[in-house]
Amino acid sequence: MNGESTASSSDREFDVIVFGATGFVGELTARYLAEHAPAGTRIALAGRTETKLAEVRRRLPATAASWPLVVADAGSPSSLDAMVARTRVICTTVGPYLRYGEALVVAAASAGTDYVDLTGEVPFVHFSIAKAHDTAVATGARIVHSCGFDSVPSDLGTYVLYRKVSDDDAGTLTDTTMVVRSMRGGLSGGTIDSMRVIAEQAKDPQVRRLLLNPQALSGTPADTPKVSMSSEPSDIAIVRGKKVDPSLSGTLAPFFMSSYNTRVVRRSDALLDGAYGPDFHYSETMNVGGVPGLSTLIAGVVGVGTGAFLGAMSFGPTRRLLDKVLPDPGQGPSEKSRDKGHFVTQTFTRTSSGRRYRSQMRAQGDPGYKATAVMLGESALTLALDRAALPARTGVLTPAAAMGEALVDRLRAAGFRIDAQELT
C-alpha cells in the first residue's frame, strides 16, 4: 500500500483546508488550528458561502485574519476537485458523510491529497474503500477516516497497547476490551444526523447485513470478509468487569459507538497485516459503577435503552418525536460546558503469553466537541507537517495505520495523556 503522494511537493498552495468551517465543529477545529498550528502553517477555510466564511474568520483569533477563503460545495464535484488540488490535506467536518462526503473522498484520492474526517458511518467507509482505496494507493493519498472521538481513543488505545506488548516481547494481543471509564459530554448534532441517515439506510437488507458484519471494513475494495456475528464479541453485550480484567469490579454496559469503533480497530489490524495477533478479538464497554447489583441493573438499562433508541430512530413516528428534542447539525453546547467535559478510556488485554496489559487515554474537553477538535486538528497537522515520520502506507486508512506514533506524539504534546503498562 505504498505510493508517492502528489501532495508532498511544495507546489500546493495550502497545508490544510478546513472544509465545513461554518459548521459548529468546523469552526471549533479552525479555532484550534488558529491557536495551536505552528507559525507559518498555511491554512484556508472552505464552505459554500463566502460571507459566512468571512464571519467565522472574524470570530477566530488574530492569527487567522489573513487565512484565505475557498468557496466549495459538496454538491459540486468540480468545486471539490479545484479545492483539493490546492492543499496537502483536506480536513472535512461536512456530514453526514453518506449524504455529503462521497464526491469529496473520491476527489481527494484522485488528486493525491491527504484527507481526514469525523465519520462514524460504516456504509460510508465501506464506500470509500470500494471507490477510493486503489486510486489513493496509486496517487499516494492517505484517506483517514474517524479522526475524532470516533475513533481515535479506540484505535490509538489498541495501537499503543500493541506497541508496548511488542516492545516487551510479551507475545500478541488476544481478547482486548476498551472500557470508557469516565466521560462528560453529549452527542453532537452531527452524530445524531449521521444516526438518522444510517437508520434510514438500514431498511435496505444489503446495508443491514453490512452493519451487522463485524469485519465489514477489514477487506479490500474487491472483498468484504463474510463472517458470522459470533466470530467477534457482541456490540451490545453486558459484561462482568472481572471477565475483562481482575482489576475491574461491577458490570460493564455496552458502549453506544461500539458497533462502529470496533470495525475501525479491526481494519487497523488488517492494514497492519494482522500484527495484533491471530487470536485478537476486540470489544468496547462502558463503566457504570463498581457496585455489583446496581451496576448490573444500570448496564441492563443502558443496553435496552441503546437498542430502543436505535429502533426509535428507524421508525418514523418515534423519530419525529426524537427530532424535536435532539440537537440539530450545527448545534452544540456552550464554551463553558465544553470546557467542563472530559473522557478517560482504558483498553485491557491478556497476551498470548498470559501477561496482562492496559493502555489509557485521558483528555479534558467535551469528547464530541472540544476534544474532537483537538484530535481532528492534530490529525490534519500530522499529515501536513510530519510526513517524514509517517508510515509509507497509503490508501483508505485508519488513524493508527496512517499516523501511528506521529499522532500519539502530537496528542501528548497537546495535553492528552496516552500510556500503556503491564499489570501485575
Protein backbone atom coordinates (compact mmCIF):
# COMPACT_ATOMS: atom_id res chain seq x y z
CA MET A 1 0.00 0.00 0.00
CA ASN A 2 2.85 2.34 -0.78
CA GLY A 3 2.73 5.29 -3.11
CA GLU A 4 4.31 8.69 -3.63
CA SER A 5 1.84 11.44 -2.81
CA THR A 6 1.40 14.15 -5.40
CA ALA A 7 0.65 16.46 -2.45
CA SER A 8 4.10 16.03 -0.92
CA SER A 9 5.73 18.72 -3.03
CA SER A 10 5.77 22.42 -2.19
CA ASP A 11 3.61 23.34 -5.17
CA ARG A 12 0.42 23.07 -3.12
CA GLU A 13 -0.90 26.43 -2.03
CA PHE A 14 -2.05 25.28 1.43
CA ASP A 15 -1.04 22.78 4.07
CA VAL A 16 -4.60 22.35 5.40
CA ILE A 17 -8.04 23.42 4.21
CA VAL A 18 -10.85 23.15 6.77
CA PHE A 19 -13.97 22.27 4.76
CA GLY A 20 -17.19 22.94 6.65
CA ALA A 21 -15.69 25.78 8.67
CA THR A 22 -19.09 27.47 9.06
CA GLY A 23 -20.45 24.46 10.99
CA PHE A 24 -20.18 24.13 14.76
CA VAL A 25 -17.37 21.55 14.90
CA GLY A 26 -15.76 23.01 11.79
CA GLU A 27 -15.38 26.38 13.50
CA LEU A 28 -14.07 24.70 16.67
CA THR A 29 -11.45 22.91 14.59
CA ALA A 30 -10.49 26.12 12.80
CA ARG A 31 -10.17 27.88 16.17
CA TYR A 32 -7.96 25.11 17.48
CA LEU A 33 -5.69 25.39 14.45
CA ALA A 34 -5.56 29.17 14.77
CA GLU A 35 -4.44 28.80 18.38
CA HIS A 36 -2.09 25.82 18.04
CA ALA A 37 -0.80 25.32 14.50
CA PRO A 38 2.92 26.14 14.18
CA ALA A 39 3.75 29.56 12.80
CA GLY A 40 3.87 29.52 9.03
CA THR A 41 1.31 26.72 8.60
CA ARG A 42 -0.72 27.60 5.52
CA ILE A 43 -4.41 27.20 6.36
CA ALA A 44 -7.60 28.14 4.49
CA LEU A 45 -11.29 27.98 5.37
CA ALA A 46 -13.77 26.43 2.96
CA GLY A 47 -17.54 26.23 2.67
CA ARG A 48 -20.48 27.06 0.45
CA THR A 49 -20.85 30.78 1.25
CA GLU A 50 -18.02 33.30 1.29
CA THR A 51 -19.86 35.77 3.51
CA LYS A 52 -20.43 33.11 6.20
CA LEU A 53 -16.81 32.04 5.96
CA ALA A 54 -15.76 35.65 6.47
CA GLU A 55 -17.97 35.84 9.58
CA VAL A 56 -16.28 32.76 11.01
CA ARG A 57 -12.84 34.16 10.26
CA ARG A 58 -13.70 37.38 12.12
CA ARG A 59 -14.55 35.32 15.22
CA LEU A 60 -11.25 33.45 15.17
CA PRO A 61 -8.00 34.60 16.81
CA ALA A 62 -5.94 37.24 15.03
CA THR A 63 -3.60 34.58 13.62
CA ALA A 64 -6.43 33.58 11.25
CA ALA A 65 -7.14 37.08 9.96
CA SER A 66 -5.29 36.53 6.69
CA TRP A 67 -6.44 32.96 6.06
CA PRO A 68 -7.85 32.68 2.53
CA LEU A 69 -11.48 31.68 1.96
CA VAL A 70 -12.33 28.93 -0.52
CA VAL A 71 -15.86 28.51 -1.86
CA ALA A 72 -16.76 24.86 -2.47
CA ASP A 73 -19.97 22.86 -2.34
CA ALA A 74 -20.38 19.16 -1.55
CA GLY A 75 -22.92 19.03 -4.38
CA SER A 76 -20.49 20.45 -6.95
CA PRO A 77 -17.77 17.92 -7.87
CA SER A 78 -15.88 20.47 -9.94
CA SER A 79 -15.58 22.83 -6.97
CA LEU A 80 -14.33 19.93 -4.82
CA ASP A 81 -11.74 18.98 -7.45
CA ALA A 82 -10.49 22.56 -7.55
CA MET A 83 -10.34 22.76 -3.76
CA VAL A 84 -8.41 19.54 -3.08
CA ALA A 85 -5.88 20.35 -5.80
CA ARG A 86 -4.78 23.38 -3.77
CA THR A 87 -3.88 21.67 -0.49
CA ARG A 88 -1.81 18.94 1.07
CA VAL A 89 -4.60 17.95 3.47
CA ILE A 90 -8.36 18.41 3.31
CA CYS A 91 -9.94 18.37 6.77
CA THR A 92 -13.70 17.94 6.46
CA THR A 93 -16.48 18.21 9.03
CA VAL A 94 -19.25 18.18 6.42
CA GLY A 95 -21.56 15.32 7.36
CA PRO A 96 -23.47 13.13 7.37
CA TYR A 97 -20.76 11.76 5.15
CA LEU A 98 -23.11 9.29 3.49
CA ARG A 99 -25.06 12.29 2.26
CA TYR A 100 -22.30 14.80 1.57
CA GLY A 101 -18.94 13.04 1.58
CA GLU A 102 -18.71 10.60 -1.32
CA ALA A 103 -17.60 13.04 -4.03
CA LEU A 104 -15.01 14.66 -1.76
CA VAL A 105 -13.28 11.43 -0.76
CA VAL A 106 -13.02 10.40 -4.43
CA ALA A 107 -11.71 13.86 -5.37
CA ALA A 108 -9.03 13.75 -2.65
CA ALA A 109 -7.90 10.26 -3.64
CA SER A 110 -7.72 11.25 -7.31
CA ALA A 111 -5.67 14.37 -6.56
CA GLY A 112 -3.22 12.63 -4.22
CA THR A 113 -4.45 14.85 -1.38
CA ASP A 114 -4.46 13.55 2.17
CA TYR A 115 -7.87 13.60 3.87
CA VAL A 116 -9.24 13.49 7.43
CA ASP A 117 -12.84 13.43 8.65
CA LEU A 118 -15.07 12.63 11.63
CA THR A 119 -17.28 9.92 10.17
CA GLY A 120 -18.85 7.23 12.31
CA GLU A 121 -20.72 5.66 9.39
CA VAL A 122 -19.82 2.09 8.39
CA PRO A 123 -21.52 2.30 4.95
CA PHE A 124 -19.59 5.46 4.08
CA VAL A 125 -16.20 3.97 4.95
CA HIS A 126 -17.16 0.83 3.04
CA PHE A 127 -17.96 3.03 0.01
CA SER A 128 -14.63 4.79 0.45
CA ILE A 129 -12.70 1.50 0.46
CA ALA A 130 -14.53 0.29 -2.65
CA LYS A 131 -14.32 3.52 -4.65
CA ALA A 132 -11.19 5.33 -3.44
CA HIS A 133 -8.66 2.91 -1.94
CA ASP A 134 -6.96 1.73 -5.13
CA THR A 135 -6.90 5.27 -6.52
CA ALA A 136 -5.39 6.61 -3.29
CA VAL A 137 -2.70 3.92 -3.34
CA ALA A 138 -1.84 4.89 -6.92
CA THR A 139 -1.64 8.64 -6.15
CA GLY A 140 -0.07 8.26 -2.71
CA ALA A 141 -3.00 9.78 -0.82
CA ARG A 142 -3.85 8.91 2.76
CA ILE A 143 -7.61 8.84 3.25
CA VAL A 144 -8.01 8.74 7.02
CA HIS A 145 -11.50 8.41 8.43
CA SER A 146 -12.71 8.78 12.02
CA CYS A 147 -10.19 11.25 13.46
CA GLY A 148 -12.31 12.43 16.42
CA PHE A 149 -13.79 10.75 19.49
CA ASP A 150 -14.90 8.24 16.88
CA SER A 151 -12.43 6.51 16.71
CA VAL A 152 -9.08 7.87 17.93
CA PRO A 153 -9.33 6.65 21.57
CA SER A 154 -10.38 3.19 20.37
CA ASP A 155 -7.83 2.95 17.58
CA LEU A 156 -4.80 4.50 19.25
CA GLY A 157 -5.64 2.88 22.58
CA THR A 158 -5.27 -0.52 20.96
CA TYR A 159 -2.26 0.56 18.90
CA VAL A 160 -0.19 1.79 21.87
CA LEU A 161 -1.14 -1.39 23.73
CA TYR A 162 0.18 -3.44 20.81
CA ARG A 163 3.40 -1.41 20.71
CA LYS A 164 4.02 -1.87 24.43
CA VAL A 165 3.37 -5.63 24.27
CA SER A 166 5.63 -5.89 21.23
CA ASP A 167 8.42 -3.87 22.86
CA ASP A 168 8.23 -6.14 25.92
CA ASP A 169 8.35 -9.25 23.71
CA ALA A 170 5.24 -10.42 25.58
CA GLY A 171 3.51 -12.20 22.71
CA THR A 172 0.48 -10.89 20.84
CA LEU A 173 -2.89 -9.47 21.83
CA THR A 174 -5.81 -11.82 22.47
CA ASP A 175 -9.16 -10.71 23.94
CA THR A 176 -8.96 -6.92 24.11
CA THR A 177 -11.61 -4.59 25.52
CA MET A 178 -11.83 -0.82 25.68
CA VAL A 179 -13.67 0.49 28.73
CA VAL A 180 -14.98 4.06 28.79
CA ARG A 181 -14.13 4.66 32.44
CA SER A 182 -15.39 8.23 32.64
CA MET A 183 -16.97 10.67 30.21
CA ARG A 184 -18.71 14.00 30.45
CA GLY A 185 -20.28 15.44 27.34
CA GLY A 186 -23.08 14.84 24.90
CA LEU A 187 -23.65 13.57 21.39
CA SER A 188 -23.12 16.24 18.77
CA GLY A 189 -25.85 17.29 16.36
CA GLY A 190 -23.72 15.92 13.53
CA THR A 191 -23.51 12.49 15.17
CA ILE A 192 -27.28 12.46 15.65
CA ASP A 193 -27.78 13.37 12.00
CA SER A 194 -25.48 10.52 10.96
CA MET A 195 -27.59 8.15 13.06
CA ARG A 196 -30.69 9.39 11.26
CA VAL A 197 -29.14 8.64 7.87
CA ILE A 198 -27.87 5.19 8.91
CA ALA A 199 -31.24 4.28 10.44
CA GLU A 200 -32.88 5.15 7.15
CA GLN A 201 -30.34 3.20 5.09
CA ALA A 202 -30.57 0.17 7.39
CA LYS A 203 -34.01 -0.53 5.95
CA ASP A 204 -32.11 -1.90 2.94
CA PRO A 205 -31.28 -5.59 3.64
CA GLN A 206 -27.85 -5.27 1.99
CA VAL A 207 -26.91 -2.31 4.18
CA ARG A 208 -28.27 -4.10 7.23
CA ARG A 209 -26.04 -7.11 6.52
CA LEU A 210 -23.06 -4.76 6.21
CA LEU A 211 -23.84 -3.09 9.54
CA LEU A 212 -24.07 -6.47 11.26
CA ASN A 213 -20.80 -7.76 9.81
CA PRO A 214 -18.07 -7.38 12.48
CA GLN A 215 -15.40 -7.37 9.74
CA ALA A 216 -17.30 -5.03 7.40
CA LEU A 217 -14.30 -2.69 6.99
CA SER A 218 -11.46 -5.23 7.15
CA GLY A 219 -11.36 -6.21 3.50
CA THR A 220 -10.05 -4.95 0.19
CA PRO A 221 -12.02 -3.00 -2.43
CA ALA A 222 -12.90 -6.29 -4.09
CA ASP A 223 -13.70 -8.33 -1.00
CA THR A 224 -15.63 -7.74 2.21
CA PRO A 225 -14.96 -10.64 4.58
CA LYS A 226 -18.08 -12.71 5.18
CA VAL A 227 -18.03 -13.82 8.81
CA SER A 228 -20.67 -14.66 11.36
CA MET A 229 -21.59 -12.17 14.07
CA SER A 230 -20.45 -14.71 16.66
CA SER A 231 -16.86 -14.56 15.38
CA GLU A 232 -16.31 -11.37 17.39
CA PRO A 233 -17.68 -10.13 20.74
CA SER A 234 -21.18 -8.69 20.68
CA ASP A 235 -21.51 -4.91 20.42
CA ILE A 236 -24.42 -4.89 22.86
CA ALA A 237 -23.21 -7.37 25.48
CA ILE A 238 -23.37 -6.74 29.21
CA VAL A 239 -20.06 -7.94 30.65
CA ARG A 240 -18.73 -8.65 34.14
CA GLY A 241 -15.80 -6.35 34.86
CA LYS A 242 -13.59 -9.16 36.14
CA LYS A 243 -14.03 -11.02 32.88
CA VAL A 244 -12.29 -8.10 31.19
CA ASP A 245 -9.58 -7.74 33.85
CA PRO A 246 -9.27 -8.77 37.53
CA SER A 247 -8.78 -5.11 38.49
CA LEU A 248 -12.33 -4.22 37.42
CA SER A 249 -15.44 -4.63 39.54
CA GLY A 250 -19.16 -4.46 38.83
CA THR A 251 -20.84 -4.90 35.45
CA LEU A 252 -19.93 -3.07 32.24
CA ALA A 253 -22.56 -1.70 29.88
CA PRO A 254 -22.39 -1.62 26.07
CA PHE A 255 -20.75 1.49 24.65
CA PHE A 256 -23.09 3.17 22.16
CA MET A 257 -20.41 3.65 19.45
CA SER A 258 -19.03 0.12 19.73
CA SER A 259 -20.66 -1.06 16.50
CA TYR A 260 -18.58 1.47 14.59
CA ASN A 261 -15.34 1.75 16.57
CA THR A 262 -14.76 -1.99 16.67
CA ARG A 263 -14.81 -2.13 12.86
CA VAL A 264 -12.18 0.62 12.69
CA VAL A 265 -9.87 -1.19 15.12
CA ARG A 266 -10.25 -4.44 13.18
CA ARG A 267 -9.40 -2.58 9.96
CA SER A 268 -6.24 -1.28 11.62
CA ASP A 269 -5.23 -4.85 12.45
CA ALA A 270 -5.88 -5.87 8.84
CA LEU A 271 -3.88 -2.92 7.46
CA LEU A 272 -1.03 -3.82 9.83
CA ASP A 273 -1.04 -7.34 8.38
CA GLY A 274 -2.57 -8.93 11.46
CA ALA A 275 0.12 -7.56 13.79
CA TYR A 276 -2.22 -7.61 16.79
CA GLY A 277 -2.20 -11.40 16.68
CA PRO A 278 -4.07 -14.43 15.32
CA ASP A 279 -6.28 -14.59 18.42
CA PHE A 280 -7.02 -10.87 18.60
CA HIS A 281 -10.67 -10.06 19.36
CA TYR A 282 -11.88 -6.58 20.25
CA SER A 283 -14.90 -5.15 22.05
CA GLU A 284 -15.97 -1.94 23.79
CA THR A 285 -17.83 -1.33 27.03
CA MET A 286 -18.70 1.48 29.41
CA ASN A 287 -18.23 1.76 33.16
CA VAL A 288 -21.49 2.38 35.06
CA GLY A 289 -20.16 1.93 38.61
CA GLY A 290 -18.47 -0.77 40.65
CA VAL A 291 -21.35 -1.89 42.89
CA PRO A 292 -22.22 -5.38 41.58
CA GLY A 293 -26.03 -5.37 41.82
CA LEU A 294 -26.54 -1.71 40.98
CA SER A 295 -24.10 -1.71 38.06
CA THR A 296 -25.79 -4.80 36.62
CA LEU A 297 -29.14 -3.04 36.75
CA ILE A 298 -27.77 0.14 35.17
CA ALA A 299 -25.90 -1.83 32.49
CA GLY A 300 -29.12 -3.62 31.60
CA VAL A 301 -30.98 -0.33 31.33
CA VAL A 302 -28.22 1.11 29.12
CA GLY A 303 -28.30 -1.95 26.88
CA VAL A 304 -32.06 -1.87 26.48
CA GLY A 305 -32.03 1.90 26.06
CA THR A 306 -29.40 1.77 23.32
CA GLY A 307 -31.41 -0.77 21.36
CA ALA A 308 -34.63 1.17 21.91
CA PHE A 309 -33.04 4.42 20.76
CA LEU A 310 -31.74 2.91 17.53
CA GLY A 311 -35.12 1.29 16.91
CA ALA A 312 -36.88 4.58 17.53
CA MET A 313 -34.58 6.35 15.08
CA SER A 314 -35.62 3.95 12.32
CA PHE A 315 -39.37 4.24 12.99
CA GLY A 316 -41.00 7.33 11.50
CA PRO A 317 -43.40 8.42 14.28
CA THR A 318 -40.93 7.99 17.14
CA ARG A 319 -38.12 9.51 15.10
CA ARG A 320 -40.19 12.65 14.55
CA LEU A 321 -40.68 12.91 18.32
CA LEU A 322 -36.94 12.48 18.94
CA ASP A 323 -36.14 15.10 16.30
CA LYS A 324 -37.94 17.68 18.45
CA VAL A 325 -35.59 17.18 21.41
CA LEU A 326 -32.29 16.02 19.88
CA PRO A 327 -29.68 18.57 18.74
CA ASP A 328 -29.63 19.54 15.08
CA PRO A 329 -26.47 19.64 12.95
CA GLY A 330 -24.54 22.82 13.68
CA GLN A 331 -25.74 22.98 17.28
CA GLY A 332 -23.59 22.38 20.31
CA PRO A 333 -23.01 23.19 23.98
CA SER A 334 -21.67 26.45 25.36
CA GLU A 335 -17.95 27.06 25.73
CA LYS A 336 -18.30 26.65 29.49
CA SER A 337 -19.92 23.24 29.06
CA ARG A 338 -17.32 22.17 26.50
CA ASP A 339 -14.51 23.11 28.88
CA LYS A 340 -16.04 21.06 31.71
CA GLY A 341 -16.17 17.91 29.62
CA HIS A 342 -13.62 15.10 29.69
CA PHE A 343 -13.08 11.46 28.86
CA VAL A 344 -10.98 8.58 30.15
CA THR A 345 -10.72 5.34 28.18
CA GLN A 346 -8.75 2.26 29.19
CA THR A 347 -8.01 -0.71 26.96
CA PHE A 348 -7.22 -4.09 28.54
CA THR A 349 -5.70 -7.21 27.06
CA ARG A 350 -4.20 -10.53 28.03
CA THR A 351 -1.36 -11.52 25.75
CA SER A 352 -0.70 -14.89 24.17
CA SER A 353 1.98 -15.42 26.83
CA GLY A 354 -0.56 -14.82 29.61
CA ARG A 355 0.56 -11.33 30.68
CA ARG A 356 -1.93 -8.53 31.39
CA TYR A 357 -1.64 -5.04 29.92
CA ARG A 358 -3.62 -1.80 29.94
CA SER A 359 -3.42 1.36 27.89
CA GLN A 360 -5.11 4.63 28.80
CA MET A 361 -6.16 7.82 27.05
CA ARG A 362 -7.30 10.80 29.10
CA ALA A 363 -8.23 14.29 27.90
CA GLN A 364 -10.06 17.40 29.02
CA GLY A 365 -12.90 18.87 26.98
CA ASP A 366 -16.26 17.61 25.80
CA PRO A 367 -15.43 14.42 23.85
CA GLY A 368 -17.68 15.20 20.88
CA TYR A 369 -16.70 18.85 20.56
CA LYS A 370 -13.61 20.33 22.23
CA ALA A 371 -11.57 17.10 22.45
CA THR A 372 -12.68 16.09 18.97
CA ALA A 373 -11.47 19.43 17.56
CA VAL A 374 -8.06 18.71 19.09
CA MET A 375 -7.93 15.18 17.65
CA LEU A 376 -9.07 16.26 14.19
CA GLY A 377 -6.82 19.33 14.13
CA GLU A 378 -3.75 17.38 15.22
CA SER A 379 -4.52 14.63 12.70
CA ALA A 380 -4.55 17.21 9.91
CA LEU A 381 -1.29 18.74 11.16
CA THR A 382 0.34 15.31 11.46
CA LEU A 383 -0.40 14.54 7.81
CA ALA A 384 0.59 18.00 6.62
CA LEU A 385 3.73 18.67 8.65
CA ASP A 386 5.10 15.34 9.88
CA ARG A 387 5.25 13.48 6.60
CA ALA A 388 8.78 12.16 7.11
CA ALA A 389 7.66 10.46 10.33
CA LEU A 390 4.64 8.70 8.80
CA PRO A 391 4.45 5.06 7.75
CA ALA A 392 4.80 4.59 3.98
CA ARG A 393 1.22 3.34 3.89
CA THR A 394 -1.38 4.88 1.56
CA GLY A 395 -4.99 4.23 0.60
CA VAL A 396 -8.10 4.27 2.78
CA LEU A 397 -6.61 4.03 6.25
CA THR A 398 -7.32 4.39 9.95
CA PRO A 399 -5.66 6.83 12.38
CA ALA A 400 -3.38 4.09 13.76
CA ALA A 401 -2.41 2.69 10.36
CA ALA A 402 -1.88 6.11 8.75
CA MET A 403 -0.18 8.05 11.54
CA GLY A 404 0.67 5.74 14.45
CA GLU A 405 3.34 7.15 16.76
CA ALA A 406 3.39 10.53 15.00
CA LEU A 407 -0.21 11.23 16.02
CA VAL A 408 0.35 9.82 19.52
CA ASP A 409 3.25 12.25 19.97
CA ARG A 410 1.20 15.22 18.74
CA LEU A 411 -1.73 14.41 21.02
CA ARG A 412 0.57 14.05 24.01
CA ALA A 413 2.07 17.45 23.23
CA ALA A 414 -1.50 18.82 23.03
CA GLY A 415 -2.22 17.69 26.61
CA PHE A 416 -3.62 14.19 26.11
CA ARG A 417 -2.37 11.54 28.49
CA ILE A 418 -1.66 8.39 26.50
CA ASP A 419 0.27 5.49 28.02
CA ALA A 420 0.44 1.72 28.29
CA GLN A 421 1.70 -0.53 31.07
CA GLU A 422 1.87 -4.11 32.22
CA LEU A 423 -0.47 -5.03 35.07
CA THR A 424 0.61 -7.30 37.89
